[in-house]
Amino acid sequence: QVQLVESGGGLVQAGDSLRLSCVVSGRSFSSSAVGWFRQAPGQEREFVAALRWSRNMASYADFVKGRFTISKGDDRNTVFLQINYLRPEDTAVYYCAVGFRGDSSWYTTSSASYDYWGKGAQVTVSS
């Protein structure tokens, strides 16, 4: 059974940086697309970034504007989301998701298309 666990969240001040981690068990990230989403209170879950693992190609939501970086870990089981210059509006639960399609070019910004999800990591940014 595939499981995802996020970590690295917390309470930070505006302007700080955080690195979120997503670790998979039960299967590696090889031949997958890994997505990060976030959900603020009262808001819908929104796409943040995705990584096509085999091609090591990243895609980002427009609002990211260079502050977020998605990257691989040294193993095949970890993906990071680096967030710099945090803003209060970045406050949300951040979720990691993975989809397996056997197509190295596949990824999606649609949360409905990912196969497995973590339980999320809370990020709270104070002003």
N, C-alpha and C. Protein backbone atom coordinates (compact mmCIF):
# COMPACT_ATOMS: atom_id res chain seq x y z
N GLN A 1 0.84 -1.19 0.00
CA GLN A 1 0.00 0.00 0.00
C GLN A 1 0.88 1.24 0.00
N VAL A 2 0.55 2.15 -0.87
CA VAL A 2 1.33 3.38 -0.97
C VAL A 2 0.87 4.37 0.10
N GLN A 3 1.83 4.92 0.81
CA GLN A 3 1.54 5.95 1.80
C GLN A 3 2.48 7.11 1.61
N LEU A 4 1.96 8.30 1.86
CA LEU A 4 2.74 9.54 1.77
C LEU A 4 2.69 10.24 3.13
N VAL A 5 3.83 10.75 3.54
CA VAL A 5 3.89 11.48 4.80
C VAL A 5 4.62 12.79 4.58
N GLU A 6 3.93 13.88 4.88
CA GLU A 6 4.54 15.21 4.78
C GLU A 6 5.11 15.61 6.13
N SER A 7 6.15 16.42 6.09
CA SER A 7 6.74 16.97 7.31
C SER A 7 7.42 18.29 6.98
N GLY A 8 7.77 19.02 8.02
CA GLY A 8 8.50 20.27 7.83
C GLY A 8 7.66 21.52 8.00
N GLY A 9 6.37 21.35 8.24
CA GLY A 9 5.53 22.52 8.45
C GLY A 9 5.76 23.12 9.82
N GLY A 10 5.08 24.23 10.06
CA GLY A 10 5.22 24.87 11.36
C GLY A 10 4.73 26.30 11.34
N LEU A 11 5.01 27.01 12.43
CA LEU A 11 4.66 28.42 12.58
C LEU A 11 5.90 29.24 12.30
N VAL A 12 5.82 30.12 11.33
CA VAL A 12 6.96 30.95 10.94
C VAL A 12 6.50 32.38 10.78
N GLN A 13 7.47 33.27 10.64
CA GLN A 13 7.15 34.68 10.41
C GLN A 13 7.24 35.01 8.92
N ALA A 14 6.54 36.04 8.56
CA ALA A 14 6.60 36.50 7.17
C ALA A 14 8.05 36.79 6.79
N GLY A 15 8.43 36.33 5.60
CA GLY A 15 9.80 36.49 5.14
C GLY A 15 10.70 35.29 5.39
N ASP A 16 10.27 34.39 6.25
CA ASP A 16 11.05 33.19 6.54
C ASP A 16 10.95 32.19 5.39
N SER A 17 11.71 31.11 5.53
CA SER A 17 11.68 30.02 4.56
C SER A 17 11.35 28.71 5.26
N LEU A 18 10.79 27.79 4.50
CA LEU A 18 10.49 26.45 5.00
C LEU A 18 10.80 25.46 3.90
N ARG A 19 11.17 24.24 4.31
CA ARG A 19 11.28 23.17 3.35
C ARG A 19 10.38 22.03 3.81
N LEU A 20 9.37 21.75 3.02
CA LEU A 20 8.48 20.63 3.29
C LEU A 20 9.03 19.38 2.61
N SER A 21 8.84 18.25 3.29
CA SER A 21 9.27 16.97 2.74
C SER A 21 8.06 16.06 2.55
N CYS A 22 8.15 15.24 1.54
CA CYS A 22 7.12 14.22 1.29
C CYS A 22 7.86 12.90 1.07
N VAL A 23 7.58 11.95 1.92
CA VAL A 23 8.22 10.65 1.82
C VAL A 23 7.17 9.59 1.49
N VAL A 24 7.48 8.78 0.49
CA VAL A 24 6.57 7.72 0.06
C VAL A 24 7.07 6.37 0.57
N SER A 25 6.15 5.51 0.91
CA SER A 25 6.46 4.12 1.24
C SER A 25 5.51 3.23 0.47
N GLY A 26 5.94 2.00 0.25
CA GLY A 26 5.14 1.05 -0.50
C GLY A 26 5.43 1.05 -1.99
N ARG A 27 6.06 2.10 -2.44
CA ARG A 27 6.44 2.22 -3.84
C ARG A 27 7.33 3.45 -3.95
N SER A 28 8.24 3.45 -4.89
CA SER A 28 9.09 4.64 -5.06
C SER A 28 8.38 5.64 -5.96
N PHE A 29 8.97 6.84 -6.05
CA PHE A 29 8.44 7.89 -6.91
C PHE A 29 8.83 7.70 -8.39
N SER A 30 9.61 6.69 -8.67
CA SER A 30 10.01 6.48 -10.06
C SER A 30 8.78 6.33 -10.95
N SER A 31 8.84 6.90 -12.14
CA SER A 31 7.75 6.84 -13.12
C SER A 31 6.46 7.45 -12.59
N SER A 32 6.57 8.52 -11.84
CA SER A 32 5.38 9.15 -11.28
C SER A 32 5.40 10.66 -11.52
N ALA A 33 4.29 11.25 -11.21
CA ALA A 33 4.21 12.70 -11.07
C ALA A 33 3.84 12.98 -9.62
N VAL A 34 4.60 13.85 -9.00
CA VAL A 34 4.36 14.20 -7.60
C VAL A 34 3.87 15.64 -7.55
N GLY A 35 2.78 15.82 -6.88
CA GLY A 35 2.19 17.16 -6.80
C GLY A 35 2.13 17.66 -5.38
N TRP A 36 2.26 18.97 -5.24
CA TRP A 36 2.00 19.65 -3.97
C TRP A 36 0.76 20.53 -4.17
N PHE A 37 -0.13 20.43 -3.21
CA PHE A 37 -1.34 21.25 -3.19
C PHE A 37 -1.43 21.91 -1.82
N ARG A 38 -2.27 22.92 -1.73
CA ARG A 38 -2.50 23.52 -0.42
C ARG A 38 -3.96 23.90 -0.28
N GLN A 39 -4.39 23.96 0.96
CA GLN A 39 -5.76 24.32 1.24
C GLN A 39 -5.80 25.22 2.47
N ALA A 40 -6.24 26.44 2.24
CA ALA A 40 -6.41 27.39 3.32
C ALA A 40 -7.81 27.25 3.93
N PRO A 41 -8.01 27.69 5.14
CA PRO A 41 -9.33 27.58 5.76
C PRO A 41 -10.41 28.24 4.92
N GLY A 42 -11.47 27.48 4.66
CA GLY A 42 -12.59 28.02 3.89
C GLY A 42 -12.35 28.10 2.40
N GLN A 43 -11.21 27.61 1.95
CA GLN A 43 -10.86 27.69 0.53
C GLN A 43 -10.79 26.29 -0.07
N GLU A 44 -10.85 26.24 -1.38
CA GLU A 44 -10.67 24.97 -2.07
C GLU A 44 -9.19 24.61 -2.12
N ARG A 45 -8.93 23.34 -2.27
CA ARG A 45 -7.55 22.88 -2.43
C ARG A 45 -7.03 23.38 -3.77
N GLU A 46 -5.82 23.92 -3.77
CA GLU A 46 -5.26 24.47 -5.01
C GLU A 46 -3.90 23.88 -5.32
N PHE A 47 -3.63 23.80 -6.58
CA PHE A 47 -2.36 23.28 -7.09
C PHE A 47 -1.24 24.27 -6.78
N VAL A 48 -0.11 23.73 -6.35
CA VAL A 48 1.07 24.55 -6.08
C VAL A 48 2.20 24.22 -7.06
N ALA A 49 2.56 22.95 -7.14
CA ALA A 49 3.69 22.55 -7.97
C ALA A 49 3.60 21.05 -8.25
N ALA A 50 4.27 20.63 -9.32
CA ALA A 50 4.33 19.21 -9.64
C ALA A 50 5.69 18.90 -10.24
N LEU A 51 6.10 17.67 -10.02
CA LEU A 51 7.39 17.20 -10.55
C LEU A 51 7.17 15.91 -11.32
N ARG A 52 7.56 15.94 -12.59
CA ARG A 52 7.57 14.70 -13.37
C ARG A 52 8.90 14.02 -13.06
N TRP A 53 8.82 12.96 -12.28
CA TRP A 53 10.00 12.39 -11.65
C TRP A 53 11.05 11.96 -12.65
N SER A 54 10.68 11.14 -13.61
CA SER A 54 11.67 10.57 -14.53
C SER A 54 12.37 11.64 -15.34
N ARG A 55 11.66 12.69 -15.69
CA ARG A 55 12.24 13.76 -16.50
C ARG A 55 12.81 14.87 -15.62
N ASN A 56 12.55 14.79 -14.34
CA ASN A 56 12.96 15.85 -13.41
C ASN A 56 12.51 17.22 -13.90
N MET A 57 11.26 17.30 -14.32
CA MET A 57 10.69 18.54 -14.83
C MET A 57 9.64 19.04 -13.86
N ALA A 58 9.73 20.32 -13.53
CA ALA A 58 8.82 20.92 -12.56
C ALA A 58 7.85 21.86 -13.25
N SER A 59 6.67 21.97 -12.68
CA SER A 59 5.66 22.91 -13.13
C SER A 59 5.08 23.58 -11.89
N TYR A 60 4.70 24.86 -12.05
CA TYR A 60 4.25 25.64 -10.91
C TYR A 60 2.96 26.40 -11.21
N ALA A 61 2.23 26.66 -10.16
CA ALA A 61 1.09 27.57 -10.27
C ALA A 61 1.60 28.98 -10.51
N ASP A 62 0.78 29.79 -11.14
CA ASP A 62 1.20 31.16 -11.47
C ASP A 62 1.53 31.97 -10.22
N PHE A 63 0.83 31.73 -9.13
CA PHE A 63 1.03 32.56 -7.94
C PHE A 63 2.37 32.30 -7.27
N VAL A 64 3.04 31.22 -7.62
CA VAL A 64 4.30 30.85 -6.98
C VAL A 64 5.35 31.93 -7.19
N LYS A 65 5.43 32.43 -8.42
CA LYS A 65 6.29 33.56 -8.76
C LYS A 65 7.73 33.42 -8.26
N GLY A 66 8.29 32.26 -8.42
CA GLY A 66 9.69 32.04 -8.10
C GLY A 66 9.99 31.79 -6.64
N ARG A 67 9.00 31.81 -5.78
CA ARG A 67 9.26 31.61 -4.35
C ARG A 67 9.29 30.14 -3.95
N PHE A 68 8.71 29.26 -4.76
CA PHE A 68 8.59 27.85 -4.44
C PHE A 68 9.48 27.04 -5.38
N THR A 69 10.08 26.00 -4.84
CA THR A 69 10.87 25.09 -5.65
C THR A 69 10.56 23.65 -5.25
N ILE A 70 10.17 22.84 -6.23
CA ILE A 70 9.94 21.43 -5.98
C ILE A 70 11.17 20.66 -6.47
N SER A 71 11.60 19.67 -5.71
CA SER A 71 12.83 18.98 -6.08
C SER A 71 12.84 17.56 -5.53
N LYS A 72 13.73 16.75 -6.10
CA LYS A 72 13.91 15.37 -5.63
C LYS A 72 14.83 15.34 -4.42
N GLY A 73 14.63 14.29 -3.61
CA GLY A 73 15.63 13.97 -2.61
C GLY A 73 16.71 13.11 -3.22
N ASP A 74 17.67 12.72 -2.42
CA ASP A 74 18.77 11.89 -2.91
C ASP A 74 18.33 10.45 -3.18
N ASP A 75 17.25 10.03 -2.58
CA ASP A 75 16.73 8.68 -2.83
C ASP A 75 15.58 8.79 -3.81
N ARG A 76 14.85 7.74 -4.03
CA ARG A 76 13.70 7.77 -4.93
C ARG A 76 12.39 7.86 -4.17
N ASN A 77 12.48 8.20 -2.90
CA ASN A 77 11.29 8.20 -2.06
C ASN A 77 10.95 9.55 -1.44
N THR A 78 11.67 10.59 -1.80
CA THR A 78 11.48 11.88 -1.16
C THR A 78 11.38 13.00 -2.19
N VAL A 79 10.43 13.88 -1.95
CA VAL A 79 10.28 15.10 -2.74
C VAL A 79 10.18 16.26 -1.75
N PHE A 80 10.80 17.36 -2.11
CA PHE A 80 10.80 18.55 -1.27
C PHE A 80 10.00 19.67 -1.93
N LEU A 81 9.50 20.56 -1.09
CA LEU A 81 8.95 21.83 -1.54
C LEU A 81 9.59 22.92 -0.70
N GLN A 82 10.46 23.67 -1.33
CA GLN A 82 11.12 24.79 -0.67
C GLN A 82 10.27 26.04 -0.87
N ILE A 83 9.96 26.73 0.20
CA ILE A 83 9.16 27.95 0.12
C ILE A 83 9.96 29.08 0.75
N ASN A 84 10.24 30.09 -0.03
CA ASN A 84 10.99 31.25 0.44
C ASN A 84 10.08 32.47 0.55
N TYR A 85 10.53 33.45 1.34
CA TYR A 85 9.79 34.70 1.49
C TYR A 85 8.32 34.44 1.78
N LEU A 86 8.08 33.64 2.80
CA LEU A 86 6.72 33.28 3.15
C LEU A 86 5.88 34.49 3.48
N ARG A 87 4.62 34.40 3.09
CA ARG A 87 3.65 35.47 3.31
C ARG A 87 2.50 34.94 4.15
N PRO A 88 1.79 35.79 4.85
CA PRO A 88 0.62 35.30 5.61
C PRO A 88 -0.38 34.55 4.73
N GLU A 89 -0.52 34.95 3.48
CA GLU A 89 -1.47 34.28 2.59
C GLU A 89 -1.01 32.89 2.17
N ASP A 90 0.21 32.51 2.53
CA ASP A 90 0.67 31.14 2.30
C ASP A 90 0.20 30.19 3.39
N THR A 91 -0.43 30.71 4.41
CA THR A 91 -0.94 29.87 5.49
C THR A 91 -1.96 28.89 4.95
N ALA A 92 -1.70 27.60 5.17
CA ALA A 92 -2.55 26.55 4.62
C ALA A 92 -2.03 25.20 5.10
N VAL A 93 -2.82 24.18 4.85
CA VAL A 93 -2.33 22.80 4.97
C VAL A 93 -1.78 22.43 3.60
N TYR A 94 -0.55 21.95 3.60
CA TYR A 94 0.11 21.57 2.36
C TYR A 94 0.09 20.05 2.23
N TYR A 95 -0.39 19.59 1.07
CA TYR A 95 -0.55 18.18 0.81
C TYR A 95 0.37 17.73 -0.32
N CYS A 96 0.89 16.54 -0.16
CA CYS A 96 1.66 15.88 -1.19
C CYS A 96 0.77 14.80 -1.82
N ALA A 97 0.88 14.64 -3.14
CA ALA A 97 0.10 13.63 -3.84
C ALA A 97 0.96 13.00 -4.92
N VAL A 98 0.63 11.80 -5.30
CA VAL A 98 1.39 11.11 -6.35
C VAL A 98 0.42 10.41 -7.31
N GLY A 99 0.80 10.43 -8.57
CA GLY A 99 0.04 9.74 -9.60
C GLY A 99 0.95 8.87 -10.43
N PHE A 100 0.52 7.68 -10.71
CA PHE A 100 1.30 6.73 -11.51
C PHE A 100 0.55 6.46 -12.81
N ARG A 101 1.14 6.87 -13.93
CA ARG A 101 0.49 6.68 -15.23
C ARG A 101 1.40 5.93 -16.21
N GLY A 102 2.62 5.67 -15.84
CA GLY A 102 3.54 5.00 -16.75
C GLY A 102 3.94 5.87 -17.93
N ASP A 103 3.74 7.16 -17.80
CA ASP A 103 4.06 8.12 -18.85
C ASP A 103 4.90 9.21 -18.22
N SER A 104 6.15 9.30 -18.64
CA SER A 104 7.07 10.24 -17.99
C SER A 104 6.69 11.69 -18.23
N SER A 105 5.82 11.95 -19.21
CA SER A 105 5.42 13.33 -19.50
C SER A 105 4.16 13.74 -18.75
N TRP A 106 3.52 12.79 -18.09
CA TRP A 106 2.23 13.09 -17.47
C TRP A 106 2.38 13.84 -16.16
N TYR A 107 1.54 14.86 -16.02
CA TYR A 107 1.28 15.46 -14.73
C TYR A 107 -0.02 16.23 -14.90
N THR A 108 -0.58 16.68 -13.82
CA THR A 108 -1.82 17.44 -13.89
C THR A 108 -1.90 18.41 -12.72
N THR A 109 -2.63 19.48 -12.93
CA THR A 109 -2.90 20.43 -11.85
C THR A 109 -4.21 20.08 -11.14
N SER A 110 -4.89 19.05 -11.60
CA SER A 110 -6.17 18.65 -11.02
C SER A 110 -5.96 17.68 -9.87
N SER A 111 -6.43 18.05 -8.71
CA SER A 111 -6.26 17.20 -7.54
C SER A 111 -6.98 15.86 -7.71
N ALA A 112 -8.04 15.84 -8.49
CA ALA A 112 -8.84 14.62 -8.64
C ALA A 112 -8.09 13.51 -9.37
N SER A 113 -7.04 13.85 -10.06
CA SER A 113 -6.34 12.87 -10.89
C SER A 113 -5.17 12.19 -10.20
N TYR A 114 -4.86 12.57 -8.99
CA TYR A 114 -3.76 11.93 -8.29
C TYR A 114 -4.27 10.70 -7.53
N ASP A 115 -3.40 9.72 -7.41
CA ASP A 115 -3.83 8.42 -6.88
C ASP A 115 -3.75 8.31 -5.36
N TYR A 116 -2.73 8.92 -4.79
CA TYR A 116 -2.51 8.80 -3.35
C TYR A 116 -2.17 10.17 -2.76
N TRP A 117 -2.59 10.34 -1.51
CA TRP A 117 -2.41 11.62 -0.82
C TRP A 117 -1.84 11.41 0.58
N GLY A 118 -1.07 12.38 1.02
CA GLY A 118 -0.67 12.42 2.41
C GLY A 118 -1.73 13.14 3.22
N LYS A 119 -1.50 13.19 4.53
CA LYS A 119 -2.47 13.82 5.42
C LYS A 119 -2.25 15.32 5.57
N GLY A 120 -1.14 15.81 5.08
CA GLY A 120 -0.91 17.23 5.07
C GLY A 120 -0.01 17.73 6.17
N ALA A 121 0.58 18.88 5.93
CA ALA A 121 1.43 19.56 6.91
C ALA A 121 0.96 21.01 7.03
N GLN A 122 0.73 21.44 8.26
CA GLN A 122 0.24 22.80 8.48
C GLN A 122 1.39 23.79 8.39
N VAL A 123 1.18 24.82 7.61
CA VAL A 123 2.11 25.95 7.55
C VAL A 123 1.34 27.20 7.96
N THR A 124 1.82 27.87 8.97
CA THR A 124 1.18 29.08 9.45
C THR A 124 2.21 30.20 9.43
N VAL A 125 1.86 31.28 8.75
CA VAL A 125 2.78 32.40 8.60
C VAL A 125 2.19 33.61 9.31
N SER A 126 2.92 34.11 10.29
CA SER A 126 2.46 35.28 11.02
C SER A 126 3.06 36.54 10.40
N SER A 127 2.31 37.62 10.51
CA SER A 127 2.77 38.89 9.92
C SER A 127 3.59 39.70 10.91
